């Protein structure tokens, strides 16, 4: 189970990076402000999920002890 949460956390962190880059490119090219706002909101939700998965993984593995 801890391997599953570990892999899932890495995938979600990659998604966070992709959404961040997409939002930044949209802002740099002068794209729709509403789209940039939605992308940044999605980034925050994905970051919360990633933190929860990291904490769950640490809890399942005993915190690296």
N, C-alpha and C. Protein backbone atom coordinates (compact mmCIF):
# COMPACT_ATOMS: atom_id res chain seq x y z
N UNK A 1 0.82 -1.19 0.00
CA UNK A 1 0.00 0.00 0.00
C UNK A 1 0.86 1.26 0.00
N UNK A 2 1.97 1.24 0.75
CA UNK A 2 2.82 2.44 0.80
C UNK A 2 3.48 2.69 -0.55
N UNK A 3 3.79 1.64 -1.30
CA UNK A 3 4.36 1.83 -2.64
C UNK A 3 3.34 2.49 -3.56
N UNK A 4 2.09 2.09 -3.44
CA UNK A 4 1.04 2.69 -4.24
C UNK A 4 0.89 4.17 -3.94
N UNK A 5 0.86 4.53 -2.65
CA UNK A 5 0.72 5.95 -2.30
C UNK A 5 1.95 6.74 -2.71
N UNK A 6 3.12 6.12 -2.64
CA UNK A 6 4.37 6.77 -3.05
C UNK A 6 4.33 7.10 -4.54
N UNK A 7 3.96 6.14 -5.35
CA UNK A 7 3.88 6.34 -6.80
C UNK A 7 2.79 7.35 -7.14
N UNK A 8 1.65 7.24 -6.47
CA UNK A 8 0.55 8.17 -6.71
C UNK A 8 0.95 9.60 -6.34
N UNK A 9 1.69 9.77 -5.25
CA UNK A 9 2.16 11.10 -4.84
C UNK A 9 3.10 11.68 -5.89
N UNK A 10 3.96 10.87 -6.46
CA UNK A 10 4.88 11.35 -7.50
C UNK A 10 4.10 11.78 -8.74
N UNK A 11 3.09 11.01 -9.11
CA UNK A 11 2.27 11.35 -10.28
C UNK A 11 1.56 12.68 -10.04
N UNK A 12 0.98 12.84 -8.86
CA UNK A 12 0.26 14.08 -8.56
C UNK A 12 1.22 15.27 -8.53
N UNK A 13 2.44 15.08 -8.02
CA UNK A 13 3.43 16.17 -8.03
C UNK A 13 3.79 16.56 -9.46
N UNK A 14 3.88 15.58 -10.35
CA UNK A 14 4.11 15.88 -11.76
C UNK A 14 2.97 16.67 -12.35
N UNK A 15 1.73 16.32 -11.98
CA UNK A 15 0.57 17.07 -12.45
C UNK A 15 0.58 18.50 -11.93
N UNK A 16 1.03 18.69 -10.70
CA UNK A 16 1.14 20.03 -10.14
C UNK A 16 2.10 20.86 -10.99
N UNK A 17 3.24 20.28 -11.34
CA UNK A 17 4.22 21.00 -12.15
C UNK A 17 3.65 21.33 -13.53
N UNK A 18 2.94 20.39 -14.14
CA UNK A 18 2.36 20.64 -15.46
C UNK A 18 1.31 21.76 -15.42
N UNK A 19 0.45 21.74 -14.43
CA UNK A 19 -0.57 22.78 -14.31
C UNK A 19 0.08 24.13 -14.04
N UNK A 20 1.12 24.14 -13.22
CA UNK A 20 1.83 25.38 -12.94
C UNK A 20 2.44 25.97 -14.21
N UNK A 21 3.14 25.15 -14.98
CA UNK A 21 3.77 25.62 -16.21
C UNK A 21 2.73 26.09 -17.22
N UNK A 22 1.65 25.35 -17.34
CA UNK A 22 0.59 25.75 -18.27
C UNK A 22 -0.04 27.09 -17.87
N UNK A 23 -0.27 27.28 -16.58
CA UNK A 23 -0.81 28.54 -16.09
C UNK A 23 0.13 29.70 -16.31
N UNK A 24 1.43 29.46 -16.09
CA UNK A 24 2.42 30.52 -16.30
C UNK A 24 2.52 30.90 -17.78
N UNK A 25 2.52 29.91 -18.66
CA UNK A 25 2.56 30.20 -20.10
C UNK A 25 1.32 30.96 -20.54
N UNK A 26 0.18 30.60 -19.98
CA UNK A 26 -1.04 31.31 -20.33
C UNK A 26 -0.96 32.77 -19.90
N UNK A 27 -0.40 33.02 -18.72
CA UNK A 27 -0.26 34.41 -18.26
C UNK A 27 0.77 35.17 -19.10
N UNK A 28 1.88 34.50 -19.45
CA UNK A 28 2.93 35.16 -20.22
C UNK A 28 2.49 35.56 -21.62
N UNK A 29 1.66 34.74 -22.24
CA UNK A 29 1.22 35.06 -23.59
C UNK A 29 0.01 35.99 -23.60
N UNK A 30 -0.45 36.38 -22.42
CA UNK A 30 -1.58 37.30 -22.33
C UNK A 30 -2.91 36.63 -22.59
N UNK A 31 -3.01 35.38 -22.20
CA UNK A 31 -4.24 34.61 -22.41
C UNK A 31 -5.36 35.05 -21.49
N UNK A 32 -6.44 34.34 -21.55
CA UNK A 32 -7.62 34.63 -20.74
C UNK A 32 -7.29 34.55 -19.25
N UNK A 33 -7.60 35.61 -18.55
CA UNK A 33 -7.34 35.66 -17.11
C UNK A 33 -8.14 34.64 -16.33
N UNK A 34 -9.37 34.37 -16.81
CA UNK A 34 -10.21 33.39 -16.14
C UNK A 34 -9.60 32.00 -16.22
N UNK A 35 -9.00 31.68 -17.37
CA UNK A 35 -8.35 30.37 -17.54
C UNK A 35 -7.15 30.25 -16.60
N UNK A 36 -6.35 31.31 -16.51
CA UNK A 36 -5.20 31.30 -15.60
C UNK A 36 -5.65 31.10 -14.16
N UNK A 37 -6.74 31.76 -13.78
CA UNK A 37 -7.26 31.63 -12.43
C UNK A 37 -7.72 30.19 -12.16
N UNK A 38 -8.40 29.59 -13.11
CA UNK A 38 -8.86 28.20 -12.95
C UNK A 38 -7.67 27.24 -12.84
N UNK A 39 -6.63 27.49 -13.64
CA UNK A 39 -5.44 26.63 -13.58
C UNK A 39 -4.74 26.76 -12.22
N UNK A 40 -4.67 27.96 -11.69
CA UNK A 40 -4.02 28.13 -10.40
C UNK A 40 -4.86 27.52 -9.27
N UNK A 41 -6.18 27.57 -9.40
CA UNK A 41 -7.04 26.90 -8.42
C UNK A 41 -6.84 25.39 -8.48
N UNK A 42 -6.72 24.86 -9.68
CA UNK A 42 -6.47 23.42 -9.85
C UNK A 42 -5.12 23.05 -9.25
N UNK A 43 -4.13 23.93 -9.40
CA UNK A 43 -2.80 23.67 -8.84
C UNK A 43 -2.87 23.57 -7.32
N UNK A 44 -3.63 24.45 -6.70
CA UNK A 44 -3.74 24.43 -5.25
C UNK A 44 -4.41 23.14 -4.78
N UNK A 45 -5.45 22.71 -5.48
CA UNK A 45 -6.13 21.45 -5.11
C UNK A 45 -5.17 20.27 -5.28
N UNK A 46 -4.43 20.25 -6.40
CA UNK A 46 -3.48 19.16 -6.62
C UNK A 46 -2.36 19.17 -5.57
N UNK A 47 -1.92 20.36 -5.16
CA UNK A 47 -0.90 20.43 -4.11
C UNK A 47 -1.43 19.87 -2.80
N UNK A 48 -2.68 20.16 -2.47
CA UNK A 48 -3.27 19.62 -1.24
C UNK A 48 -3.34 18.10 -1.30
N UNK A 49 -3.71 17.57 -2.46
CA UNK A 49 -3.76 16.12 -2.62
C UNK A 49 -2.37 15.51 -2.49
N UNK A 50 -1.37 16.17 -3.10
CA UNK A 50 0.00 15.67 -3.02
C UNK A 50 0.50 15.66 -1.58
N UNK A 51 0.22 16.71 -0.84
CA UNK A 51 0.66 16.76 0.57
C UNK A 51 -0.03 15.67 1.38
N UNK A 52 -1.32 15.46 1.13
CA UNK A 52 -2.03 14.41 1.85
C UNK A 52 -1.45 13.03 1.53
N UNK A 53 -1.12 12.79 0.27
CA UNK A 53 -0.52 11.50 -0.11
C UNK A 53 0.86 11.33 0.50
N UNK A 54 1.64 12.39 0.54
CA UNK A 54 2.97 12.31 1.16
C UNK A 54 2.83 11.99 2.64
N UNK A 55 1.91 12.66 3.31
CA UNK A 55 1.71 12.40 4.73
C UNK A 55 1.20 10.97 4.96
N UNK A 56 0.29 10.50 4.10
CA UNK A 56 -0.21 9.13 4.22
C UNK A 56 0.92 8.12 4.02
N UNK A 57 1.78 8.37 3.04
CA UNK A 57 2.91 7.49 2.80
C UNK A 57 3.85 7.45 3.99
N UNK A 58 4.13 8.62 4.57
CA UNK A 58 4.99 8.66 5.75
C UNK A 58 4.34 7.91 6.93
N UNK A 59 3.03 8.07 7.09
CA UNK A 59 2.34 7.40 8.17
C UNK A 59 2.38 5.87 7.98
N UNK A 60 2.17 5.42 6.73
CA UNK A 60 2.17 3.98 6.47
C UNK A 60 3.55 3.36 6.63
N UNK A 61 4.60 4.13 6.32
CA UNK A 61 5.95 3.58 6.40
C UNK A 61 6.61 3.85 7.74
N UNK A 62 5.93 4.48 8.65
CA UNK A 62 6.51 4.76 9.96
C UNK A 62 7.37 5.99 9.97
N UNK A 63 7.24 6.86 9.00
CA UNK A 63 7.98 8.11 8.97
C UNK A 63 9.46 7.97 8.71
N UNK A 64 9.87 6.89 8.08
CA UNK A 64 11.28 6.70 7.76
C UNK A 64 12.09 6.17 8.92
N UNK A 65 11.44 5.73 9.98
CA UNK A 65 12.17 5.19 11.14
C UNK A 65 12.58 3.78 10.92
